[in-house]
């Protein structure tokens, strides 16, 4: 058989496989989006197989075909949507020239995270406390997040931005908790102004000489 004929016979089959894979990827994405929407709107129990299928516009059998179980769908949706929601704040933290700039820019980026994503994150936090799989995954994400901040703290110490005797891991835990807490406050009170909080944190992170130059402490004012 000529080589050209062999190629012409195999190309249609590979094209069909490619189209099937593309359709499968689209279906998976629609199911994951539907899962994230349902969790954000009604909590974990709202994301049933039937509700997922209706929201995604697919046959219920496809939910299990692509993911194996409803639990696997929810875990995949949580992982993908959480990382997507936090991508901008994380990039702001890591790409800024200084730690202070990174924290300031990262907190400002929280304001731009949409309400649906914030509600999803809240539901995930609640679920992580009594779901072993979600809890294990989220603990890993938190540890990675704190490790990234600790790395930035060490860089800031080397550059003289922060006192050398600060514990990087402890400082990272405090900064991460501040970010998480502000995110929760913004979700509950959308009118909260983040700018004063960011300015206060910026002052706390300033080198000691900068803090002294900025004005007297409360104890000095009272004396």
Protein backbone atom coordinates (compact mmCIF):
# COMPACT_ATOMS: atom_id res chain seq x y z
CA UNK A 1 0.00 0.00 0.00
CA UNK A 2 1.47 3.42 -0.90
CA UNK A 3 2.53 5.57 2.04
CA UNK A 4 0.17 8.40 1.06
CA UNK A 5 -2.83 6.03 1.14
CA UNK A 6 -1.88 4.80 4.63
CA UNK A 7 -1.73 8.36 5.91
CA UNK A 8 -5.09 9.27 4.41
CA UNK A 9 -6.69 6.32 6.20
CA UNK A 10 -5.25 7.17 9.63
CA UNK A 11 -5.76 10.95 9.61
CA UNK A 12 -9.58 10.87 9.82
CA UNK A 13 -9.43 8.52 12.81
CA UNK A 14 -6.97 10.76 14.68
CA UNK A 15 -9.06 13.81 13.85
CA UNK A 16 -12.12 12.10 15.27
CA UNK A 17 -10.23 11.26 18.45
CA UNK A 18 -9.13 14.88 18.72
CA UNK A 19 -12.68 16.14 18.35
CA UNK A 20 -13.92 13.68 20.98
CA UNK A 21 -11.21 14.79 23.41
CA UNK A 22 -12.09 18.43 22.80
CA UNK A 23 -15.78 17.74 23.45
CA UNK A 24 -14.85 15.84 26.60
CA UNK A 25 -12.75 18.76 27.84
CA UNK A 26 -15.63 21.17 27.24
CA UNK A 27 -18.04 18.88 29.09
CA UNK A 28 -15.65 18.52 32.03
CA UNK A 29 -15.24 22.29 32.24
CA UNK A 30 -19.01 22.84 32.20
CA UNK A 31 -19.49 20.29 34.97
CA UNK A 32 -16.77 21.90 37.10
CA UNK A 33 -18.26 25.37 36.59
CA UNK A 34 -21.69 24.03 37.53
CA UNK A 35 -20.28 22.43 40.68
CA UNK A 36 -18.59 25.67 41.74
CA UNK A 37 -21.79 27.64 41.12
CA UNK A 38 -23.95 25.23 43.11
CA UNK A 39 -21.56 25.09 46.08
CA UNK A 40 -21.30 28.90 46.16
CA UNK A 41 -25.07 29.33 45.94
CA UNK A 42 -26.38 26.61 48.22
CA UNK A 43 -23.52 24.89 49.98
CA UNK A 44 -22.07 21.43 49.53
CA UNK A 45 -25.38 19.57 49.67
CA UNK A 46 -26.74 21.55 46.73
CA UNK A 47 -24.27 19.94 44.31
CA UNK A 48 -26.06 16.67 43.58
CA UNK A 49 -25.56 14.66 40.42
CA UNK A 50 -28.94 15.72 39.05
CA UNK A 51 -28.42 19.39 39.89
CA UNK A 52 -24.94 19.31 38.34
CA UNK A 53 -26.26 17.74 35.15
CA UNK A 54 -29.11 20.24 34.87
CA UNK A 55 -26.85 23.24 35.49
CA UNK A 56 -24.19 21.99 33.06
CA UNK A 57 -26.76 20.91 30.47
CA UNK A 58 -25.46 17.34 30.22
CA UNK A 59 -26.75 13.83 30.77
CA UNK A 60 -26.31 12.78 34.44
CA UNK A 61 -24.37 9.73 33.29
CA UNK A 62 -21.65 12.02 31.92
CA UNK A 63 -20.93 13.36 35.41
CA UNK A 64 -19.84 9.91 36.55
CA UNK A 65 -18.26 9.05 33.20
CA UNK A 66 -15.86 11.98 33.38
CA UNK A 67 -15.16 12.02 37.13
CA UNK A 68 -16.13 8.65 38.57
CA UNK A 69 -18.09 10.02 41.53
CA UNK A 70 -19.81 13.17 42.76
CA UNK A 71 -17.10 13.55 45.43
CA UNK A 72 -14.40 13.59 42.75
CA UNK A 73 -16.32 16.28 40.85
CA UNK A 74 -16.52 18.51 43.90
CA UNK A 75 -12.88 18.01 44.83
CA UNK A 76 -11.76 18.87 41.29
CA UNK A 77 -14.05 21.91 41.15
CA UNK A 78 -12.78 23.20 44.48
CA UNK A 79 -9.14 22.79 43.46
CA UNK A 80 -9.53 24.46 40.08
CA UNK A 81 -11.77 27.33 41.14
CA UNK A 82 -9.87 28.09 44.35
CA UNK A 83 -6.56 28.35 42.51
CA UNK A 84 -8.18 30.47 39.82
CA UNK A 85 -9.70 32.85 42.37
CA UNK A 86 -6.41 33.30 44.23
CA UNK A 87 -4.18 33.53 41.15
CA UNK A 88 -4.09 37.34 41.05
CA UNK A 89 -3.45 37.90 44.79
CA UNK A 90 -0.71 35.26 44.72
CA UNK A 91 0.92 36.76 41.63
CA UNK A 92 0.81 40.20 43.25
CA UNK A 93 2.53 38.85 46.36
CA UNK A 94 5.30 37.06 44.47
CA UNK A 95 6.02 39.54 41.69
CA UNK A 96 6.21 42.80 43.66
CA UNK A 97 9.68 44.30 44.17
CA UNK A 98 9.42 44.24 47.98
CA UNK A 99 7.45 42.27 50.56
CA UNK A 100 5.58 45.39 51.63
CA UNK A 101 4.57 46.06 48.04
CA UNK A 102 3.58 42.42 47.62
CA UNK A 103 1.37 42.32 50.71
CA UNK A 104 -0.22 45.66 49.80
CA UNK A 105 -0.88 44.60 46.20
CA UNK A 106 -2.10 41.15 47.23
CA UNK A 107 -4.64 42.56 49.70
CA UNK A 108 -5.82 45.09 47.13
CA UNK A 109 -6.33 42.23 44.67
CA UNK A 110 -8.68 40.56 47.16
CA UNK A 111 -11.17 43.31 46.45
CA UNK A 112 -11.27 42.20 42.82
CA UNK A 113 -12.08 38.57 43.62
CA UNK A 114 -15.72 38.10 42.62
CA UNK A 115 -18.41 37.33 45.20
CA UNK A 116 -19.08 33.85 43.81
CA UNK A 117 -15.45 32.86 44.30
CA UNK A 118 -15.38 34.31 47.81
CA UNK A 119 -18.49 32.36 48.77
CA UNK A 120 -16.98 29.21 47.30
CA UNK A 121 -13.82 29.71 49.36
CA UNK A 122 -15.90 30.13 52.50
CA UNK A 123 -17.82 26.92 51.82
CA UNK A 124 -14.55 25.09 51.23
CA UNK A 125 -13.15 26.32 54.55
CA UNK A 126 -16.21 25.04 56.38
CA UNK A 127 -16.12 21.71 54.54
CA UNK A 128 -12.42 21.21 55.19
CA UNK A 129 -13.13 20.85 58.90
CA UNK A 130 -15.10 17.61 58.50
CA UNK A 131 -14.16 16.21 55.10
CA UNK A 132 -10.85 14.34 55.15
CA UNK A 133 -10.16 14.64 51.43
CA UNK A 134 -10.94 18.37 51.22
CA UNK A 135 -9.20 19.01 54.52
CA UNK A 136 -6.02 17.25 53.40
CA UNK A 137 -5.98 19.13 50.10
CA UNK A 138 -6.67 22.51 51.72
CA UNK A 139 -4.03 22.02 54.41
CA UNK A 140 -1.51 21.37 51.66
CA UNK A 141 -2.57 24.55 49.86
CA UNK A 142 -2.30 26.57 53.07
CA UNK A 143 1.15 25.19 53.80
CA UNK A 144 2.35 25.99 50.30
CA UNK A 145 0.93 29.52 50.66
CA UNK A 146 2.70 30.07 53.99
CA UNK A 147 5.94 28.69 52.57
CA UNK A 148 5.78 31.20 49.71
CA UNK A 149 5.23 34.07 52.14
CA UNK A 150 8.05 32.80 54.37
CA UNK A 151 10.35 32.84 51.35
CA UNK A 152 9.44 36.46 50.70
CA UNK A 153 10.01 37.28 54.38
CA UNK A 154 13.53 35.82 54.19
CA UNK A 155 14.24 37.84 51.05
CA UNK A 156 12.98 40.97 52.81
CA UNK A 157 15.23 40.24 55.78
CA UNK A 158 18.24 39.82 53.50
CA UNK A 159 17.41 43.18 51.92
CA UNK A 160 17.08 44.89 55.31
CA UNK A 161 13.33 45.47 54.91
CA UNK A 162 12.47 43.43 58.02
CA UNK A 163 14.34 42.78 61.29
CA UNK A 164 16.71 39.83 60.98
CA UNK A 165 15.45 38.27 64.23
CA UNK A 166 11.88 37.78 62.97
CA UNK A 167 10.91 34.13 62.55
CA UNK A 168 9.99 33.75 58.85
CA UNK A 169 7.52 30.91 59.38
CA UNK A 170 5.76 32.64 62.26
CA UNK A 171 5.60 35.92 60.33
CA UNK A 172 4.22 34.08 57.30
CA UNK A 173 1.49 32.49 59.42
CA UNK A 174 0.45 35.91 60.78
CA UNK A 175 0.43 37.54 57.35
CA UNK A 176 -1.53 34.66 55.83
CA UNK A 177 -4.08 34.86 58.65
CA UNK A 178 -4.46 38.59 58.12
CA UNK A 179 -5.16 38.04 54.43
CA UNK A 180 -7.66 35.27 55.15
CA UNK A 181 -9.38 37.34 57.82
CA UNK A 182 -9.71 40.40 55.61
CA UNK A 183 -11.10 38.25 52.81
CA UNK A 184 -13.77 36.94 55.19
CA UNK A 185 -14.63 40.45 56.38
CA UNK A 186 -14.95 41.68 52.80
CA UNK A 187 -17.31 38.80 52.02
CA UNK A 188 -19.52 39.56 55.02
CA UNK A 189 -19.26 43.35 54.71
CA UNK A 190 -18.69 44.34 51.06
CA UNK A 191 -18.59 48.02 52.10
CA UNK A 192 -15.49 47.50 54.22
CA UNK A 193 -12.71 49.82 53.07
CA UNK A 194 -9.51 47.83 52.71
CA UNK A 195 -7.28 50.85 52.17
CA UNK A 196 -6.92 51.78 55.89
CA UNK A 197 -6.21 48.15 56.77
CA UNK A 198 -3.59 47.93 54.03
CA UNK A 199 -2.01 51.19 55.22
CA UNK A 200 -1.90 49.92 58.81
CA UNK A 201 -0.24 46.67 57.77
CA UNK A 202 2.19 48.57 55.59
CA UNK A 203 3.18 50.64 58.62
CA UNK A 204 3.68 47.52 60.73
CA UNK A 205 5.94 45.99 58.08
CA UNK A 206 8.05 49.11 57.69
CA UNK A 207 11.65 48.94 58.95
CA UNK A 208 12.02 50.17 62.56
CA UNK A 209 13.72 53.40 61.46
CA UNK A 210 10.79 54.19 59.15
CA UNK A 211 8.29 53.62 61.93
CA UNK A 212 10.17 55.98 64.23
CA UNK A 213 10.40 58.61 61.54
CA UNK A 214 6.68 58.38 60.80
CA UNK A 215 5.70 59.78 64.22
CA UNK A 216 5.62 59.11 67.94
CA UNK A 217 4.17 55.93 69.35
CA UNK A 218 1.00 55.92 71.46
CA UNK A 219 3.10 55.52 74.61
CA UNK A 220 5.22 58.54 73.63
CA UNK A 221 2.09 60.62 72.96
CA UNK A 222 0.71 59.81 76.41
CA UNK A 223 3.95 60.68 78.23
